[in-house]
Amino acid sequence: MVDGATGLTGTLMASSCFLMSETDLSTRFCFVCLDGAAALAALDAGESLDDAFVERHCAQLSAGVRRLCAWVLANSA
């Protein structure tokens, strides 16, 4: 996900934008990389909203979050 974001601005917002301390290591994703209509249709068709659903319908976002978690763990004291 991040590899394809070169040149994009405004895809993440700092924690201070959400009334949190500027020193908090927090962010909010402001980037949607899924087909929301297909995901909603799948829910309407009876698919369970579970981890498998997220992997099917939000694979890029899920992979990006896993990569961010791995980076934080690798760079934490």
N, C-alpha and C. Protein backbone atom coordinates (compact mmCIF):
# COMPACT_ATOMS: atom_id res chain seq x y z
N MET A 1 0.82 -1.18 0.00
CA MET A 1 0.00 0.00 0.00
C MET A 1 0.87 1.25 0.00
N VAL A 2 1.86 1.31 0.86
CA VAL A 2 2.69 2.51 0.97
C VAL A 2 3.51 2.72 -0.30
N ASP A 3 3.95 1.65 -0.94
CA ASP A 3 4.75 1.78 -2.15
C ASP A 3 4.01 2.56 -3.23
N GLY A 4 2.71 2.38 -3.33
CA GLY A 4 1.93 3.06 -4.35
C GLY A 4 1.50 4.46 -3.96
N ALA A 5 1.87 4.90 -2.75
CA ALA A 5 1.40 6.19 -2.26
C ALA A 5 2.38 7.32 -2.53
N THR A 6 3.42 7.07 -3.31
CA THR A 6 4.40 8.11 -3.60
C THR A 6 3.71 9.32 -4.22
N GLY A 7 3.97 10.48 -3.67
CA GLY A 7 3.39 11.71 -4.20
C GLY A 7 2.03 12.07 -3.65
N LEU A 8 1.41 11.19 -2.88
CA LEU A 8 0.12 11.51 -2.29
C LEU A 8 0.33 12.37 -1.06
N THR A 9 -0.57 13.29 -0.84
CA THR A 9 -0.53 14.09 0.39
C THR A 9 -1.85 13.95 1.10
N GLY A 10 -1.83 14.10 2.40
CA GLY A 10 -3.06 14.05 3.16
C GLY A 10 -3.62 12.66 3.37
N THR A 11 -2.79 11.63 3.23
CA THR A 11 -3.31 10.28 3.41
C THR A 11 -3.29 9.85 4.87
N LEU A 12 -2.48 10.48 5.69
CA LEU A 12 -2.44 10.22 7.13
C LEU A 12 -2.59 11.54 7.85
N MET A 13 -3.23 11.49 8.99
CA MET A 13 -3.37 12.70 9.78
C MET A 13 -2.75 12.46 11.15
N ALA A 14 -2.01 13.43 11.64
CA ALA A 14 -1.34 13.31 12.93
C ALA A 14 -2.35 13.23 14.08
N SER A 15 -1.91 12.66 15.19
CA SER A 15 -2.78 12.52 16.36
C SER A 15 -3.28 13.87 16.86
N SER A 16 -2.48 14.93 16.67
CA SER A 16 -2.88 16.25 17.15
C SER A 16 -4.14 16.76 16.43
N CYS A 17 -4.43 16.23 15.26
CA CYS A 17 -5.65 16.61 14.54
C CYS A 17 -6.90 16.08 15.23
N PHE A 18 -6.71 15.14 16.17
CA PHE A 18 -7.83 14.49 16.85
C PHE A 18 -7.77 14.73 18.35
N LEU A 19 -7.25 15.91 18.73
CA LEU A 19 -7.20 16.36 20.12
C LEU A 19 -6.34 15.47 21.00
N MET A 20 -5.35 14.81 20.42
CA MET A 20 -4.40 14.02 21.18
C MET A 20 -3.08 14.77 21.21
N SER A 21 -2.20 14.37 22.12
CA SER A 21 -0.90 15.02 22.25
C SER A 21 -0.08 14.84 20.98
N GLU A 22 0.69 15.86 20.63
CA GLU A 22 1.57 15.77 19.46
C GLU A 22 2.66 14.73 19.64
N THR A 23 2.90 14.31 20.88
CA THR A 23 3.94 13.30 21.13
C THR A 23 3.40 11.88 21.03
N ASP A 24 2.09 11.71 20.91
CA ASP A 24 1.52 10.37 20.74
C ASP A 24 1.88 9.82 19.37
N LEU A 25 2.29 8.55 19.35
CA LEU A 25 2.57 7.89 18.07
C LEU A 25 1.25 7.28 17.58
N SER A 26 0.41 8.13 17.04
CA SER A 26 -0.91 7.72 16.57
C SER A 26 -1.17 8.40 15.24
N THR A 27 -2.00 7.78 14.45
CA THR A 27 -2.41 8.39 13.20
C THR A 27 -3.78 7.85 12.83
N ARG A 28 -4.40 8.47 11.89
CA ARG A 28 -5.67 7.99 11.36
C ARG A 28 -5.50 7.84 9.86
N PHE A 29 -5.91 6.68 9.35
CA PHE A 29 -5.87 6.49 7.91
C PHE A 29 -6.95 7.35 7.26
N CYS A 30 -6.58 8.09 6.26
CA CYS A 30 -7.52 8.91 5.50
C CYS A 30 -7.42 8.48 4.04
N PHE A 31 -7.31 7.21 3.84
CA PHE A 31 -7.05 6.64 2.52
C PHE A 31 -7.88 5.38 2.40
N VAL A 32 -8.70 5.28 1.39
CA VAL A 32 -9.56 4.11 1.23
C VAL A 32 -9.10 3.35 0.00
N CYS A 33 -8.69 2.12 0.22
CA CYS A 33 -8.22 1.29 -0.90
C CYS A 33 -9.01 -0.01 -0.91
N LEU A 34 -10.33 0.13 -0.99
CA LEU A 34 -11.20 -1.04 -1.06
C LEU A 34 -12.44 -0.66 -1.86
N ASP A 35 -13.12 -1.67 -2.32
CA ASP A 35 -14.36 -1.46 -3.05
C ASP A 35 -15.50 -1.55 -2.04
N GLY A 36 -15.88 -0.40 -1.50
CA GLY A 36 -16.90 -0.37 -0.47
C GLY A 36 -18.23 -0.95 -0.92
N ALA A 37 -18.60 -0.72 -2.18
CA ALA A 37 -19.87 -1.25 -2.69
C ALA A 37 -19.85 -2.77 -2.68
N ALA A 38 -18.73 -3.36 -3.08
CA ALA A 38 -18.62 -4.83 -3.09
C ALA A 38 -18.64 -5.38 -1.67
N ALA A 39 -17.97 -4.70 -0.76
CA ALA A 39 -17.96 -5.16 0.64
C ALA A 39 -19.36 -5.09 1.24
N LEU A 40 -20.07 -3.99 1.00
CA LEU A 40 -21.43 -3.88 1.51
C LEU A 40 -22.36 -4.91 0.88
N ALA A 41 -22.19 -5.17 -0.41
CA ALA A 41 -23.01 -6.19 -1.08
C ALA A 41 -22.73 -7.56 -0.48
N ALA A 42 -21.47 -7.84 -0.16
CA ALA A 42 -21.12 -9.12 0.46
C ALA A 42 -21.78 -9.26 1.82
N LEU A 43 -21.80 -8.19 2.59
CA LEU A 43 -22.48 -8.23 3.89
C LEU A 43 -23.97 -8.44 3.71
N ASP A 44 -24.56 -7.73 2.75
CA ASP A 44 -25.99 -7.91 2.47
C ASP A 44 -26.31 -9.33 2.03
N ALA A 45 -25.34 -9.98 1.37
CA ALA A 45 -25.53 -11.36 0.91
C ALA A 45 -25.31 -12.38 2.02
N GLY A 46 -24.93 -11.90 3.21
CA GLY A 46 -24.81 -12.81 4.35
C GLY A 46 -23.40 -13.18 4.76
N GLU A 47 -22.39 -12.61 4.11
CA GLU A 47 -21.02 -12.92 4.54
C GLU A 47 -20.81 -12.43 5.96
N SER A 48 -20.07 -13.22 6.73
CA SER A 48 -19.75 -12.83 8.11
C SER A 48 -18.67 -11.76 8.11
N LEU A 49 -18.81 -10.81 9.01
CA LEU A 49 -17.82 -9.76 9.17
C LEU A 49 -16.75 -10.27 10.14
N ASP A 50 -15.78 -10.99 9.58
CA ASP A 50 -14.72 -11.59 10.38
C ASP A 50 -13.37 -11.31 9.72
N ASP A 51 -12.31 -11.90 10.24
CA ASP A 51 -10.98 -11.67 9.69
C ASP A 51 -10.89 -12.07 8.22
N ALA A 52 -11.54 -13.17 7.86
CA ALA A 52 -11.51 -13.62 6.46
C ALA A 52 -12.18 -12.59 5.54
N PHE A 53 -13.26 -11.98 6.02
CA PHE A 53 -13.95 -10.94 5.25
C PHE A 53 -13.00 -9.77 4.99
N VAL A 54 -12.30 -9.35 6.04
CA VAL A 54 -11.37 -8.23 5.90
C VAL A 54 -10.28 -8.57 4.89
N GLU A 55 -9.75 -9.78 4.94
CA GLU A 55 -8.72 -10.19 3.99
C GLU A 55 -9.25 -10.22 2.56
N ARG A 56 -10.50 -10.63 2.38
CA ARG A 56 -11.08 -10.69 1.03
C ARG A 56 -11.38 -9.30 0.47
N HIS A 57 -11.93 -8.45 1.29
CA HIS A 57 -12.45 -7.17 0.79
C HIS A 57 -11.58 -5.96 1.10
N CYS A 58 -10.61 -6.12 1.98
CA CYS A 58 -9.74 -5.00 2.38
C CYS A 58 -8.29 -5.46 2.44
N ALA A 59 -7.88 -6.26 1.49
CA ALA A 59 -6.56 -6.90 1.54
C ALA A 59 -5.42 -5.89 1.59
N GLN A 60 -5.46 -4.85 0.78
CA GLN A 60 -4.36 -3.87 0.78
C GLN A 60 -4.29 -3.11 2.10
N LEU A 61 -5.42 -2.72 2.62
CA LEU A 61 -5.45 -2.01 3.89
C LEU A 61 -4.94 -2.91 5.02
N SER A 62 -5.39 -4.17 5.01
CA SER A 62 -4.94 -5.12 6.02
C SER A 62 -3.43 -5.34 5.95
N ALA A 63 -2.91 -5.50 4.75
CA ALA A 63 -1.46 -5.69 4.57
C ALA A 63 -0.70 -4.45 5.04
N GLY A 64 -1.22 -3.28 4.75
CA GLY A 64 -0.58 -2.04 5.18
C GLY A 64 -0.53 -1.92 6.70
N VAL A 65 -1.62 -2.29 7.36
CA VAL A 65 -1.65 -2.24 8.83
C VAL A 65 -0.65 -3.24 9.41
N ARG A 66 -0.59 -4.44 8.82
CA ARG A 66 0.39 -5.43 9.30
C ARG A 66 1.81 -4.90 9.15
N ARG A 67 2.09 -4.24 8.01
CA ARG A 67 3.43 -3.68 7.79
C ARG A 67 3.74 -2.56 8.78
N LEU A 68 2.76 -1.72 9.07
CA LEU A 68 2.96 -0.67 10.06
C LEU A 68 3.22 -1.26 11.44
N CYS A 69 2.46 -2.28 11.81
CA CYS A 69 2.68 -2.93 13.11
C CYS A 69 4.07 -3.53 13.18
N ALA A 70 4.51 -4.19 12.12
CA ALA A 70 5.85 -4.78 12.10
C ALA A 70 6.91 -3.69 12.23
N TRP A 71 6.71 -2.56 11.56
CA TRP A 71 7.67 -1.46 11.64
C TRP A 71 7.75 -0.91 13.06
N VAL A 72 6.57 -0.71 13.68
CA VAL A 72 6.56 -0.18 15.05
C VAL A 72 7.28 -1.14 15.99
N LEU A 73 6.99 -2.44 15.88
CA LEU A 73 7.66 -3.42 16.73
C LEU A 73 9.16 -3.44 16.50
N ALA A 74 9.57 -3.34 15.26
CA ALA A 74 11.00 -3.38 14.93
C ALA A 74 11.73 -2.13 15.38
N ASN A 75 11.01 -1.03 15.53
CA ASN A 75 11.64 0.24 15.88
C ASN A 75 11.30 0.74 17.28
N SER A 76 10.75 -0.14 18.09
CA SER A 76 10.43 0.22 19.47
C SER A 76 11.56 -0.20 20.39
N ALA A 77 11.76 0.57 21.41
CA ALA A 77 12.83 0.25 22.38
C ALA A 77 12.38 -0.82 23.34
